[in-house]
Amino acid sequence: MKSPFAALLALLTIVSLSSSSQLASAQCADWRGGPLGNGVANGADGAITASALWDPDGAGPLPVMLVVGGTFNNIEGVPAHHIAMRNPNTGVWSAIGNGFATTPNAIIVHNNQLVVGGSGDSDPGTFDANLLYFDGSAWQTFNGGTNTGSVYALASFNGELYAGGSFVIYPTPLDPAVDFAHWNSSAHLWEPINTTFGQTDGAVRA
């Protein structure tokens, strides 16, 4: 026969476990859908492949926006071709210019301008508009884009812009830039990172 103390201890254990279960349930109930929703009724109608935070007017009154890119053409009922931004104060999505031609793989902010890198083709005779920046009203190219291939990664370092991917860019001041390139803002051309070897021997993804 259990002592009164043992019975009391068992009862307290049951109450404690029950309270813990209720607490965990309450904590889980606090999870809720984020700004992208469930992808059906209140989200995007395609995949999200890249994102960044961007303050469109710098020190102006606008807040820092959430920018997302992907395969979508509509997000929370707002038409937006492959790229959109969300105002955290209002929760409202809006398009950015006329959108991005291909699927964005990388989005960064460089010199307070939104820069996007995306997918391209394998035709060396044309420029793919897959390396663009937004000037506040429209998307602009960095001397076209790449001649072949896709941009997978972008970086802004010490005021300079770098792009990585599986691509070839020419003309350049020296050799073609292969897979890893630096934007020469003075010459308005892309150039290879390593001028001795001229290229990497594989794709750059991050």
N, C-alpha and C. Protein backbone atom coordinates (compact mmCIF):
# COMPACT_ATOMS: atom_id res chain seq x y z
N MET A 1 0.84 -1.19 0.00
CA MET A 1 0.00 0.00 0.00
C MET A 1 0.88 1.24 0.00
N LYS A 2 0.56 2.22 -0.89
CA LYS A 2 1.36 3.42 -0.98
C LYS A 2 1.12 4.30 0.23
N SER A 3 2.19 4.97 0.62
CA SER A 3 2.07 5.92 1.72
C SER A 3 1.34 7.16 1.23
N PRO A 4 0.73 7.94 2.11
CA PRO A 4 0.09 9.20 1.68
C PRO A 4 1.06 10.11 0.94
N PHE A 5 2.35 10.10 1.34
CA PHE A 5 3.34 10.95 0.67
C PHE A 5 3.55 10.50 -0.77
N ALA A 6 3.65 9.15 -0.99
CA ALA A 6 3.85 8.61 -2.34
C ALA A 6 2.66 8.91 -3.23
N ALA A 7 1.47 8.81 -2.68
CA ALA A 7 0.26 9.11 -3.45
C ALA A 7 0.23 10.57 -3.85
N LEU A 8 0.61 11.45 -2.92
CA LEU A 8 0.63 12.88 -3.20
C LEU A 8 1.67 13.21 -4.28
N LEU A 9 2.83 12.55 -4.20
CA LEU A 9 3.88 12.77 -5.18
C LEU A 9 3.42 12.34 -6.57
N ALA A 10 2.74 11.22 -6.66
CA ALA A 10 2.23 10.73 -7.94
C ALA A 10 1.22 11.70 -8.53
N LEU A 11 0.33 12.23 -7.65
CA LEU A 11 -0.68 13.17 -8.10
C LEU A 11 -0.03 14.45 -8.63
N LEU A 12 0.97 14.95 -7.91
CA LEU A 12 1.66 16.16 -8.34
C LEU A 12 2.37 15.95 -9.68
N THR A 13 2.91 14.75 -9.89
CA THR A 13 3.59 14.44 -11.15
C THR A 13 2.61 14.48 -12.31
N ILE A 14 1.42 13.90 -12.10
CA ILE A 14 0.40 13.90 -13.16
C ILE A 14 -0.03 15.32 -13.50
N VAL A 15 -0.25 16.15 -12.46
CA VAL A 15 -0.66 17.53 -12.66
C VAL A 15 0.42 18.31 -13.41
N SER A 16 1.71 18.06 -13.04
CA SER A 16 2.82 18.75 -13.68
C SER A 16 2.92 18.39 -15.15
N LEU A 17 2.77 17.09 -15.47
CA LEU A 17 2.83 16.66 -16.86
C LEU A 17 1.68 17.24 -17.67
N SER A 18 0.50 17.29 -17.05
CA SER A 18 -0.66 17.85 -17.73
C SER A 18 -0.46 19.32 -18.02
N SER A 19 0.10 20.06 -17.05
CA SER A 19 0.35 21.49 -17.24
C SER A 19 1.38 21.73 -18.33
N SER A 20 2.43 20.87 -18.34
CA SER A 20 3.48 21.01 -19.35
C SER A 20 2.91 20.77 -20.73
N SER A 21 2.02 19.77 -20.84
CA SER A 21 1.42 19.46 -22.13
C SER A 21 0.56 20.62 -22.62
N GLN A 22 -0.19 21.23 -21.68
CA GLN A 22 -1.03 22.35 -22.06
C GLN A 22 -0.19 23.55 -22.46
N LEU A 23 0.95 23.76 -21.77
CA LEU A 23 1.83 24.87 -22.08
C LEU A 23 2.44 24.69 -23.48
N ALA A 24 2.88 23.46 -23.77
CA ALA A 24 3.46 23.19 -25.08
C ALA A 24 2.43 23.40 -26.18
N SER A 25 1.18 22.95 -25.88
CA SER A 25 0.12 23.13 -26.86
C SER A 25 -0.14 24.60 -27.12
N ALA A 26 -0.13 25.39 -26.04
CA ALA A 26 -0.37 26.83 -26.20
C ALA A 26 0.75 27.49 -26.99
N GLN A 27 2.01 27.05 -26.74
CA GLN A 27 3.13 27.62 -27.47
C GLN A 27 3.03 27.29 -28.96
N CYS A 28 2.66 26.05 -29.27
CA CYS A 28 2.53 25.66 -30.67
C CYS A 28 1.40 26.43 -31.35
N ALA A 29 0.37 26.72 -30.59
CA ALA A 29 -0.76 27.44 -31.17
C ALA A 29 -0.38 28.86 -31.58
N ASP A 30 0.75 29.37 -31.07
CA ASP A 30 1.19 30.71 -31.42
C ASP A 30 1.85 30.77 -32.79
N TRP A 31 2.20 29.60 -33.37
CA TRP A 31 2.75 29.59 -34.72
C TRP A 31 1.68 30.03 -35.70
N ARG A 32 2.03 30.86 -36.65
CA ARG A 32 1.05 31.31 -37.63
C ARG A 32 1.76 31.59 -38.96
N GLY A 33 0.97 31.66 -40.00
CA GLY A 33 1.51 31.86 -41.33
C GLY A 33 2.23 33.19 -41.44
N GLY A 34 3.35 33.19 -42.16
CA GLY A 34 4.11 34.41 -42.35
C GLY A 34 3.58 35.21 -43.53
N PRO A 35 4.34 36.21 -43.98
CA PRO A 35 3.85 37.09 -45.05
C PRO A 35 3.66 36.41 -46.39
N LEU A 36 4.26 35.23 -46.56
CA LEU A 36 4.08 34.53 -47.83
C LEU A 36 2.89 33.59 -47.80
N GLY A 37 2.27 33.45 -46.64
CA GLY A 37 1.05 32.65 -46.52
C GLY A 37 1.28 31.19 -46.86
N ASN A 38 0.24 30.54 -47.37
CA ASN A 38 0.32 29.11 -47.64
C ASN A 38 0.56 28.78 -49.11
N GLY A 39 0.81 29.79 -49.93
CA GLY A 39 1.10 29.55 -51.33
C GLY A 39 -0.11 29.28 -52.18
N VAL A 40 -1.28 29.29 -51.60
CA VAL A 40 -2.50 29.03 -52.36
C VAL A 40 -3.42 30.25 -52.33
N ALA A 41 -3.97 30.52 -51.16
CA ALA A 41 -4.96 31.60 -51.06
C ALA A 41 -4.31 32.95 -50.80
N ASN A 42 -3.31 32.97 -49.94
CA ASN A 42 -2.75 34.27 -49.55
C ASN A 42 -1.24 34.32 -49.67
N GLY A 43 -0.70 33.50 -50.55
CA GLY A 43 0.75 33.51 -50.76
C GLY A 43 1.09 33.83 -52.20
N ALA A 44 2.19 33.27 -52.67
CA ALA A 44 2.60 33.47 -54.06
C ALA A 44 2.13 32.28 -54.90
N ASP A 45 1.95 32.50 -56.20
CA ASP A 45 1.51 31.41 -57.07
C ASP A 45 2.68 30.68 -57.71
N GLY A 46 3.87 30.85 -57.12
CA GLY A 46 5.04 30.13 -57.59
C GLY A 46 6.08 30.07 -56.49
N ALA A 47 7.20 29.44 -56.77
CA ALA A 47 8.25 29.26 -55.77
C ALA A 47 8.97 30.57 -55.45
N ILE A 48 9.45 30.69 -54.22
CA ILE A 48 10.32 31.79 -53.80
C ILE A 48 11.75 31.26 -53.84
N THR A 49 12.62 31.92 -54.62
CA THR A 49 13.98 31.41 -54.81
C THR A 49 15.06 32.32 -54.23
N ALA A 50 14.71 33.56 -53.88
CA ALA A 50 15.72 34.49 -53.33
C ALA A 50 15.00 35.58 -52.56
N SER A 51 15.71 36.19 -51.61
CA SER A 51 15.12 37.27 -50.83
C SER A 51 16.20 38.21 -50.32
N ALA A 52 15.78 39.41 -49.94
CA ALA A 52 16.70 40.40 -49.39
C ALA A 52 15.89 41.48 -48.69
N LEU A 53 16.57 42.27 -47.86
CA LEU A 53 15.97 43.45 -47.24
C LEU A 53 16.52 44.68 -47.94
N TRP A 54 15.64 45.64 -48.23
CA TRP A 54 16.03 46.81 -49.02
C TRP A 54 15.25 48.04 -48.56
N ASP A 55 15.98 49.13 -48.35
CA ASP A 55 15.36 50.41 -48.01
C ASP A 55 15.34 51.27 -49.27
N PRO A 56 14.21 51.36 -49.96
CA PRO A 56 14.17 52.02 -51.27
C PRO A 56 14.60 53.48 -51.27
N ASP A 57 14.32 54.20 -50.17
CA ASP A 57 14.65 55.63 -50.17
C ASP A 57 15.74 55.99 -49.15
N GLY A 58 16.54 55.01 -48.77
CA GLY A 58 17.65 55.28 -47.86
C GLY A 58 17.19 55.89 -46.56
N ALA A 59 17.57 57.14 -46.32
CA ALA A 59 17.21 57.81 -45.07
C ALA A 59 15.81 58.41 -45.12
N GLY A 60 15.06 58.16 -46.19
CA GLY A 60 13.72 58.72 -46.32
C GLY A 60 12.72 58.05 -45.40
N PRO A 61 11.44 58.39 -45.57
CA PRO A 61 10.41 57.91 -44.64
C PRO A 61 9.99 56.46 -44.84
N LEU A 62 10.31 55.86 -46.00
CA LEU A 62 9.88 54.49 -46.25
C LEU A 62 10.63 53.51 -45.35
N PRO A 63 9.97 52.45 -44.89
CA PRO A 63 10.64 51.45 -44.06
C PRO A 63 11.49 50.51 -44.91
N VAL A 64 12.25 49.65 -44.26
CA VAL A 64 12.99 48.61 -44.95
C VAL A 64 12.00 47.57 -45.45
N MET A 65 12.08 47.25 -46.73
CA MET A 65 11.14 46.33 -47.37
C MET A 65 11.72 44.92 -47.45
N LEU A 66 10.82 43.94 -47.41
CA LEU A 66 11.18 42.57 -47.72
C LEU A 66 11.00 42.37 -49.21
N VAL A 67 12.07 41.98 -49.90
CA VAL A 67 12.03 41.72 -51.34
C VAL A 67 12.17 40.23 -51.57
N VAL A 68 11.29 39.67 -52.38
CA VAL A 68 11.39 38.25 -52.72
C VAL A 68 11.35 38.09 -54.23
N GLY A 69 12.06 37.09 -54.71
CA GLY A 69 12.05 36.75 -56.13
C GLY A 69 11.73 35.29 -56.30
N GLY A 70 11.21 34.93 -57.46
CA GLY A 70 10.89 33.53 -57.70
C GLY A 70 10.20 33.32 -59.03
N THR A 71 9.45 32.24 -59.11
CA THR A 71 8.78 31.86 -60.35
C THR A 71 7.35 32.39 -60.41
N PHE A 72 6.98 33.20 -59.45
CA PHE A 72 5.59 33.65 -59.34
C PHE A 72 5.27 34.82 -60.29
N ASN A 73 3.97 35.00 -60.54
CA ASN A 73 3.46 36.15 -61.27
C ASN A 73 2.40 36.90 -60.47
N ASN A 74 2.10 36.38 -59.28
CA ASN A 74 1.08 36.98 -58.43
C ASN A 74 1.41 36.65 -56.98
N ILE A 75 1.31 37.64 -56.11
CA ILE A 75 1.58 37.39 -54.70
C ILE A 75 0.55 38.14 -53.86
N GLU A 76 -0.22 37.37 -53.10
CA GLU A 76 -1.34 37.89 -52.31
C GLU A 76 -2.27 38.76 -53.14
N GLY A 77 -2.55 38.30 -54.37
CA GLY A 77 -3.48 39.00 -55.23
C GLY A 77 -2.88 40.17 -56.00
N VAL A 78 -1.59 40.44 -55.81
CA VAL A 78 -0.93 41.56 -56.49
C VAL A 78 -0.13 41.03 -57.68
N PRO A 79 -0.40 41.49 -58.90
CA PRO A 79 0.41 41.06 -60.04
C PRO A 79 1.85 41.54 -59.88
N ALA A 80 2.79 40.62 -59.95
CA ALA A 80 4.22 40.95 -59.82
C ALA A 80 5.00 39.86 -60.54
N HIS A 81 5.75 40.24 -61.55
CA HIS A 81 6.44 39.27 -62.40
C HIS A 81 7.82 38.93 -61.82
N HIS A 82 7.87 37.81 -61.10
CA HIS A 82 9.11 37.22 -60.60
C HIS A 82 9.77 37.98 -59.45
N ILE A 83 9.31 39.19 -59.11
CA ILE A 83 9.92 39.90 -57.99
C ILE A 83 8.91 40.89 -57.40
N ALA A 84 8.92 41.01 -56.06
CA ALA A 84 7.97 41.90 -55.38
C ALA A 84 8.55 42.32 -54.05
N MET A 85 7.97 43.38 -53.48
CA MET A 85 8.42 43.83 -52.16
C MET A 85 7.20 44.03 -51.25
N ARG A 86 7.44 43.85 -49.95
CA ARG A 86 6.37 43.95 -48.95
C ARG A 86 6.69 45.05 -47.95
N ASN A 87 5.73 45.95 -47.76
CA ASN A 87 5.85 47.01 -46.76
C ASN A 87 5.48 46.44 -45.41
N PRO A 88 6.41 46.40 -44.44
CA PRO A 88 6.10 45.77 -43.15
C PRO A 88 5.09 46.57 -42.33
N ASN A 89 4.95 47.84 -42.61
CA ASN A 89 4.00 48.67 -41.86
C ASN A 89 2.56 48.43 -42.30
N THR A 90 2.37 48.17 -43.58
CA THR A 90 1.02 47.97 -44.09
C THR A 90 0.71 46.52 -44.42
N GLY A 91 1.76 45.70 -44.59
CA GLY A 91 1.56 44.32 -44.99
C GLY A 91 1.20 44.17 -46.45
N VAL A 92 1.35 45.23 -47.23
CA VAL A 92 0.95 45.22 -48.64
C VAL A 92 2.14 44.91 -49.54
N TRP A 93 1.91 44.01 -50.51
CA TRP A 93 2.91 43.70 -51.53
C TRP A 93 2.77 44.64 -52.71
N SER A 94 3.86 44.89 -53.41
CA SER A 94 3.82 45.69 -54.62
C SER A 94 4.86 45.18 -55.60
N ALA A 95 4.60 45.40 -56.89
CA ALA A 95 5.55 45.02 -57.93
C ALA A 95 6.73 45.98 -57.92
N ILE A 96 7.86 45.54 -58.47
CA ILE A 96 9.04 46.40 -58.60
C ILE A 96 9.29 46.60 -60.08
N GLY A 97 8.94 47.79 -60.56
CA GLY A 97 9.04 48.05 -61.99
C GLY A 97 8.17 47.09 -62.78
N ASN A 98 8.68 46.65 -63.92
CA ASN A 98 7.95 45.70 -64.75
C ASN A 98 8.31 44.26 -64.43
N GLY A 99 9.04 44.06 -63.34
CA GLY A 99 9.41 42.71 -62.97
C GLY A 99 10.74 42.28 -63.57
N PHE A 100 11.08 41.02 -63.33
CA PHE A 100 12.36 40.46 -63.77
C PHE A 100 12.10 39.39 -64.82
N ALA A 101 12.88 39.42 -65.89
CA ALA A 101 12.59 38.57 -67.05
C ALA A 101 12.71 37.08 -66.74
N THR A 102 13.69 36.68 -65.94
CA THR A 102 13.91 35.27 -65.65
C THR A 102 13.73 35.03 -64.15
N THR A 103 13.98 33.81 -63.72
CA THR A 103 13.86 33.49 -62.30
C THR A 103 15.05 34.03 -61.54
N PRO A 104 14.84 34.89 -60.54
CA PRO A 104 15.96 35.41 -59.75
C PRO A 104 16.60 34.30 -58.91
N ASN A 105 17.91 34.22 -58.98
CA ASN A 105 18.67 33.29 -58.14
C ASN A 105 19.34 33.99 -56.97
N ALA A 106 19.58 35.28 -57.11
CA ALA A 106 20.28 36.05 -56.07
C ALA A 106 19.77 37.49 -56.09
N ILE A 107 19.56 38.05 -54.89
CA ILE A 107 19.14 39.44 -54.74
C ILE A 107 20.00 40.07 -53.66
N ILE A 108 20.61 41.22 -53.95
CA ILE A 108 21.38 41.94 -52.94
C ILE A 108 21.13 43.44 -53.09
N VAL A 109 21.63 44.19 -52.13
CA VAL A 109 21.62 45.65 -52.22
C VAL A 109 23.06 46.11 -52.38
N HIS A 110 23.32 46.87 -53.44
CA HIS A 110 24.66 47.39 -53.72
C HIS A 110 24.55 48.89 -53.96
N ASN A 111 25.25 49.67 -53.16
CA ASN A 111 25.16 51.13 -53.24
C ASN A 111 23.71 51.60 -53.16
N ASN A 112 22.96 50.93 -52.27
CA ASN A 112 21.55 51.21 -52.01
C ASN A 112 20.65 50.93 -53.21
N GLN A 113 21.16 50.22 -54.21
CA GLN A 113 20.34 49.82 -55.34
C GLN A 113 20.11 48.32 -55.30
N LEU A 114 18.92 47.93 -55.66
CA LEU A 114 18.58 46.51 -55.70
C LEU A 114 19.22 45.88 -56.92
N VAL A 115 19.98 44.80 -56.72
CA VAL A 115 20.66 44.09 -57.82
C VAL A 115 20.17 42.65 -57.82
N VAL A 116 19.85 42.14 -59.00
CA VAL A 116 19.31 40.79 -59.13
C VAL A 116 20.07 40.02 -60.19
N GLY A 117 20.38 38.77 -59.89
CA GLY A 117 20.99 37.86 -60.85
C GLY A 117 20.06 36.69 -61.09
N GLY A 118 19.95 36.27 -62.34
CA GLY A 118 19.02 35.19 -62.66
C GLY A 118 19.53 34.24 -63.72
N SER A 119 18.61 33.49 -64.26
CA SER A 119 18.95 32.44 -65.21
C SER A 119 19.11 32.99 -66.62
N GLY A 120 19.96 32.34 -67.40
CA GLY A 120 20.19 32.72 -68.79
C GLY A 120 20.23 31.50 -69.68
N ASP A 121 20.60 31.72 -70.95
CA ASP A 121 20.63 30.61 -71.91
C ASP A 121 22.07 30.30 -72.32
N SER A 122 22.22 29.50 -73.37
CA SER A 122 23.55 29.07 -73.81
C SER A 122 23.91 29.65 -75.17
N ASP A 123 23.25 30.74 -75.57
CA ASP A 123 23.53 31.35 -76.87
C ASP A 123 24.59 32.44 -76.71
N PRO A 124 25.82 32.24 -77.19
CA PRO A 124 26.88 33.23 -77.00
C PRO A 124 26.72 34.48 -77.85
N GLY A 125 25.78 34.45 -78.79
CA GLY A 125 25.62 35.60 -79.68
C GLY A 125 24.69 36.67 -79.14
N THR A 126 24.10 36.44 -77.98
CA THR A 126 23.17 37.41 -77.41
C THR A 126 23.51 37.66 -75.94
N PHE A 127 23.04 38.80 -75.44
CA PHE A 127 23.15 39.08 -74.01
C PHE A 127 21.87 38.65 -73.32
N ASP A 128 22.00 37.94 -72.20
CA ASP A 128 20.85 37.59 -71.37
C ASP A 128 20.65 38.69 -70.34
N ALA A 129 19.45 39.22 -70.25
CA ALA A 129 19.15 40.28 -69.28
C ALA A 129 18.96 39.65 -67.90
N ASN A 130 20.03 39.05 -67.39
CA ASN A 130 19.94 38.32 -66.12
C ASN A 130 20.85 38.91 -65.04
N LEU A 131 21.37 40.13 -65.29
CA LEU A 131 22.12 40.88 -64.28
C LEU A 131 21.62 42.32 -64.36
N LEU A 132 20.71 42.67 -63.47
CA LEU A 132 20.05 43.96 -63.55
C LEU A 132 20.07 44.68 -62.20
N TYR A 133 19.93 46.00 -62.26
CA TYR A 133 19.74 46.78 -61.04
C TYR A 133 18.53 47.69 -61.23
N PHE A 134 17.89 48.05 -60.12
CA PHE A 134 16.70 48.89 -60.18
C PHE A 134 17.10 50.31 -59.83
N ASP A 135 16.84 51.25 -60.75
CA ASP A 135 17.28 52.64 -60.56
C ASP A 135 16.25 53.51 -59.83
N GLY A 136 15.21 52.88 -59.33
CA GLY A 136 14.16 53.61 -58.64
C GLY A 136 12.88 53.68 -59.43
N SER A 137 12.98 53.50 -60.74
CA SER A 137 11.79 53.51 -61.57
C SER A 137 11.78 52.39 -62.61
N ALA A 138 12.95 51.91 -62.98
CA ALA A 138 13.02 50.86 -64.01
C ALA A 138 14.25 49.99 -63.80
N TRP A 139 14.21 48.79 -64.37
CA TRP A 139 15.36 47.88 -64.32
C TRP A 139 16.36 48.26 -65.41
N GLN A 140 17.64 48.27 -65.04
CA GLN A 140 18.72 48.62 -65.95
C GLN A 140 19.75 47.50 -65.99
N THR A 141 20.45 47.39 -67.12
CA THR A 141 21.46 46.33 -67.25
C THR A 141 22.85 46.85 -66.90
N PHE A 142 23.71 45.92 -66.52
CA PHE A 142 25.14 46.20 -66.39
C PHE A 142 25.79 45.79 -67.70
N ASN A 143 25.77 46.66 -68.69
CA ASN A 143 26.33 46.33 -70.01
C ASN A 143 25.71 45.04 -70.54
N GLY A 144 24.40 45.02 -70.61
CA GLY A 144 23.71 43.80 -71.02
C GLY A 144 23.59 42.88 -69.82
N GLY A 145 24.05 41.68 -69.96
CA GLY A 145 24.04 40.71 -68.86
C GLY A 145 25.18 39.75 -69.08
N THR A 146 24.88 38.47 -69.12
CA THR A 146 25.89 37.49 -69.48
C THR A 146 25.65 37.07 -70.93
N ASN A 147 26.71 36.57 -71.57
CA ASN A 147 26.55 36.03 -72.92
C ASN A 147 25.97 34.62 -72.88
N THR A 148 26.39 33.86 -71.90
CA THR A 148 25.84 32.51 -71.71
C THR A 148 25.69 32.24 -70.23
N GLY A 149 24.77 31.38 -69.89
CA GLY A 149 24.68 30.85 -68.53
C GLY A 149 23.93 31.70 -67.54
N SER A 150 23.99 31.26 -66.28
CA SER A 150 23.18 31.82 -65.20
C SER A 150 24.02 32.40 -64.08
N VAL A 151 23.45 33.39 -63.40
CA VAL A 151 24.06 33.99 -62.22
C VAL A 151 23.41 33.38 -60.99
N TYR A 152 24.21 32.80 -60.10
CA TYR A 152 23.69 32.15 -58.91
C TYR A 152 23.97 32.93 -57.63
N ALA A 153 24.98 33.80 -57.65
CA ALA A 153 25.38 34.48 -56.41
C ALA A 153 25.83 35.90 -56.72
N LEU A 154 25.57 36.81 -55.77
CA LEU A 154 26.00 38.20 -55.87
C LEU A 154 26.57 38.63 -54.53
N ALA A 155 27.55 39.54 -54.58
CA ALA A 155 28.12 40.07 -53.35
C ALA A 155 28.53 41.52 -53.56
N SER A 156 28.34 42.31 -52.52
CA SER A 156 28.81 43.69 -52.50
C SER A 156 29.88 43.77 -51.43
N PHE A 157 31.13 44.02 -51.84
CA PHE A 157 32.26 43.98 -50.91
C PHE A 157 33.17 45.18 -51.14
N ASN A 158 33.38 45.95 -50.09
CA ASN A 158 34.22 47.16 -50.19
C ASN A 158 33.77 48.09 -51.31
N GLY A 159 32.46 48.19 -51.47
CA GLY A 159 31.92 49.08 -52.49
C GLY A 159 31.96 48.52 -53.90
N GLU A 160 32.41 47.27 -54.06
CA GLU A 160 32.51 46.65 -55.39
C GLU A 160 31.48 45.54 -55.53
N LEU A 161 31.03 45.31 -56.76
CA LEU A 161 30.02 44.29 -57.03
C LEU A 161 30.64 43.07 -57.69
N TYR A 162 30.30 41.89 -57.18
CA TYR A 162 30.81 40.63 -57.71
C TYR A 162 29.64 39.71 -58.06
N ALA A 163 29.84 38.91 -59.10
CA ALA A 163 28.82 37.94 -59.52
C ALA A 163 29.46 36.58 -59.71
N GLY A 164 28.75 35.55 -59.26
CA GLY A 164 29.21 34.18 -59.45
C GLY A 164 28.12 33.35 -60.10
N GLY A 165 28.52 32.32 -60.80
CA GLY A 165 27.53 31.46 -61.44
C GLY A 165 28.17 30.47 -62.38
N SER A 166 27.43 30.15 -63.42
CA SER A 166 27.93 29.28 -64.48
C SER A 166 27.69 30.03 -65.79
N PHE A 167 28.62 30.94 -66.12
CA PHE A 167 28.39 31.87 -67.22
C PHE A 167 29.69 32.28 -67.90
N VAL A 168 29.55 32.95 -69.02
CA VAL A 168 30.66 33.61 -69.71
C VAL A 168 30.20 35.01 -70.06
N ILE A 169 31.05 36.01 -69.76
CA ILE A 169 30.73 37.40 -70.10
C ILE A 169 31.87 37.98 -70.95
N TYR A 170 31.52 38.56 -72.07
CA TYR A 170 32.47 39.31 -72.90
C TYR A 170 31.65 40.30 -73.73
N PRO A 171 32.18 41.44 -74.17
CA PRO A 171 33.60 41.79 -74.04
C PRO A 171 33.96 42.22 -72.62
N THR A 172 35.19 41.98 -72.28
CA THR A 172 35.77 42.43 -71.02
C THR A 172 37.10 43.11 -71.36
N PRO A 173 37.66 43.88 -70.42
CA PRO A 173 38.94 44.54 -70.71
C PRO A 173 40.04 43.56 -71.09
N LEU A 174 40.02 42.36 -70.51
CA LEU A 174 41.06 41.36 -70.82
C LEU A 174 40.38 40.10 -71.34
N ASP A 175 40.55 38.99 -70.63
CA ASP A 175 39.92 37.74 -71.05
C ASP A 175 38.44 37.74 -70.67
N PRO A 176 37.65 36.88 -71.31
CA PRO A 176 36.26 36.74 -70.88
C PRO A 176 36.18 36.37 -69.40
N ALA A 177 35.14 36.82 -68.74
CA ALA A 177 34.92 36.47 -67.33
C ALA A 177 34.09 35.19 -67.31
N VAL A 178 34.63 34.17 -66.69
CA VAL A 178 33.98 32.86 -66.66
C VAL A 178 33.63 32.49 -65.23
N ASP A 179 32.36 32.37 -64.94
CA ASP A 179 31.83 31.88 -63.67
C ASP A 179 32.00 32.84 -62.48
N PHE A 180 32.94 33.78 -62.55
CA PHE A 180 33.19 34.67 -61.42
C PHE A 180 33.64 36.02 -62.01
N ALA A 181 32.89 37.08 -61.73
CA ALA A 181 33.17 38.35 -62.39
C ALA A 181 33.05 39.52 -61.43
N HIS A 182 33.75 40.59 -61.79
CA HIS A 182 33.74 41.83 -61.02
C HIS A 182 33.28 42.95 -61.93
N TRP A 183 32.39 43.82 -61.43
CA TRP A 183 31.91 44.93 -62.23
C TRP A 183 32.87 46.10 -62.11
N ASN A 184 33.48 46.46 -63.25
CA ASN A 184 34.38 47.60 -63.30
C ASN A 184 33.54 48.84 -63.58
N SER A 185 33.23 49.61 -62.53
CA SER A 185 32.31 50.74 -62.68
C SER A 185 32.93 51.87 -63.49
N SER A 186 34.25 51.93 -63.57
CA SER A 186 34.90 52.97 -64.37
C SER A 186 34.81 52.67 -65.86
N ALA A 187 35.08 51.41 -66.21
CA ALA A 187 35.04 51.01 -67.62
C ALA A 187 33.64 50.58 -68.06
N HIS A 188 32.73 50.40 -67.08
CA HIS A 188 31.37 49.93 -67.35
C HIS A 188 31.39 48.58 -68.07
N LEU A 189 32.26 47.71 -67.57
CA LEU A 189 32.39 46.37 -68.11
C LEU A 189 32.60 45.37 -66.97
N TRP A 190 32.17 44.13 -67.19
CA TRP A 190 32.53 43.05 -66.28
C TRP A 190 33.95 42.60 -66.61
N GLU A 191 34.67 42.14 -65.61
CA GLU A 191 36.01 41.64 -65.84
C GLU A 191 36.27 40.43 -64.95
N PRO A 192 37.18 39.55 -65.37
CA PRO A 192 37.49 38.37 -64.54
C PRO A 192 38.14 38.79 -63.24
N ILE A 193 37.97 37.98 -62.22
CA ILE A 193 38.55 38.29 -60.90
C ILE A 193 40.06 38.12 -60.94
N ASN A 194 40.51 36.97 -61.44
CA ASN A 194 41.93 36.66 -61.48
C ASN A 194 42.45 36.92 -62.89
N THR A 195 43.16 38.01 -63.08
CA THR A 195 43.62 38.37 -64.42
C THR A 195 44.76 37.48 -64.92
N THR A 196 45.34 36.68 -64.03
CA THR A 196 46.40 35.76 -64.45
C THR A 196 45.82 34.53 -65.12
N PHE A 197 44.81 33.94 -64.46
CA PHE A 197 44.22 32.71 -65.00
C PHE A 197 42.90 32.98 -65.73
N GLY A 198 42.22 34.07 -65.37
CA GLY A 198 41.06 34.50 -66.14
C GLY A 198 39.74 33.86 -65.82
N GLN A 199 39.73 32.77 -65.07
CA GLN A 199 38.46 32.10 -64.83
C GLN A 199 38.60 31.06 -63.72
N THR A 200 37.44 30.56 -63.25
CA THR A 200 37.44 29.40 -62.36
C THR A 200 37.21 28.17 -63.22
N ASP A 201 37.41 26.99 -62.63
CA ASP A 201 37.17 25.78 -63.41
C ASP A 201 35.88 25.10 -62.99
N GLY A 202 34.96 25.87 -62.40
CA GLY A 202 33.66 25.32 -62.01
C GLY A 202 32.71 26.44 -61.62
N ALA A 203 31.45 26.12 -61.50
CA ALA A 203 30.43 27.11 -61.18
C ALA A 203 30.61 27.66 -59.77
N VAL A 204 30.27 28.93 -59.61
CA VAL A 204 30.28 29.60 -58.30
C VAL A 204 28.84 29.77 -57.86
N ARG A 205 28.50 29.23 -56.70
CA ARG A 205 27.09 29.22 -56.27
C ARG A 205 26.85 30.00 -54.99
N ALA A 206 27.88 30.45 -54.30
CA ALA A 206 27.67 31.21 -53.06
C ALA A 206 28.91 32.03 -52.75
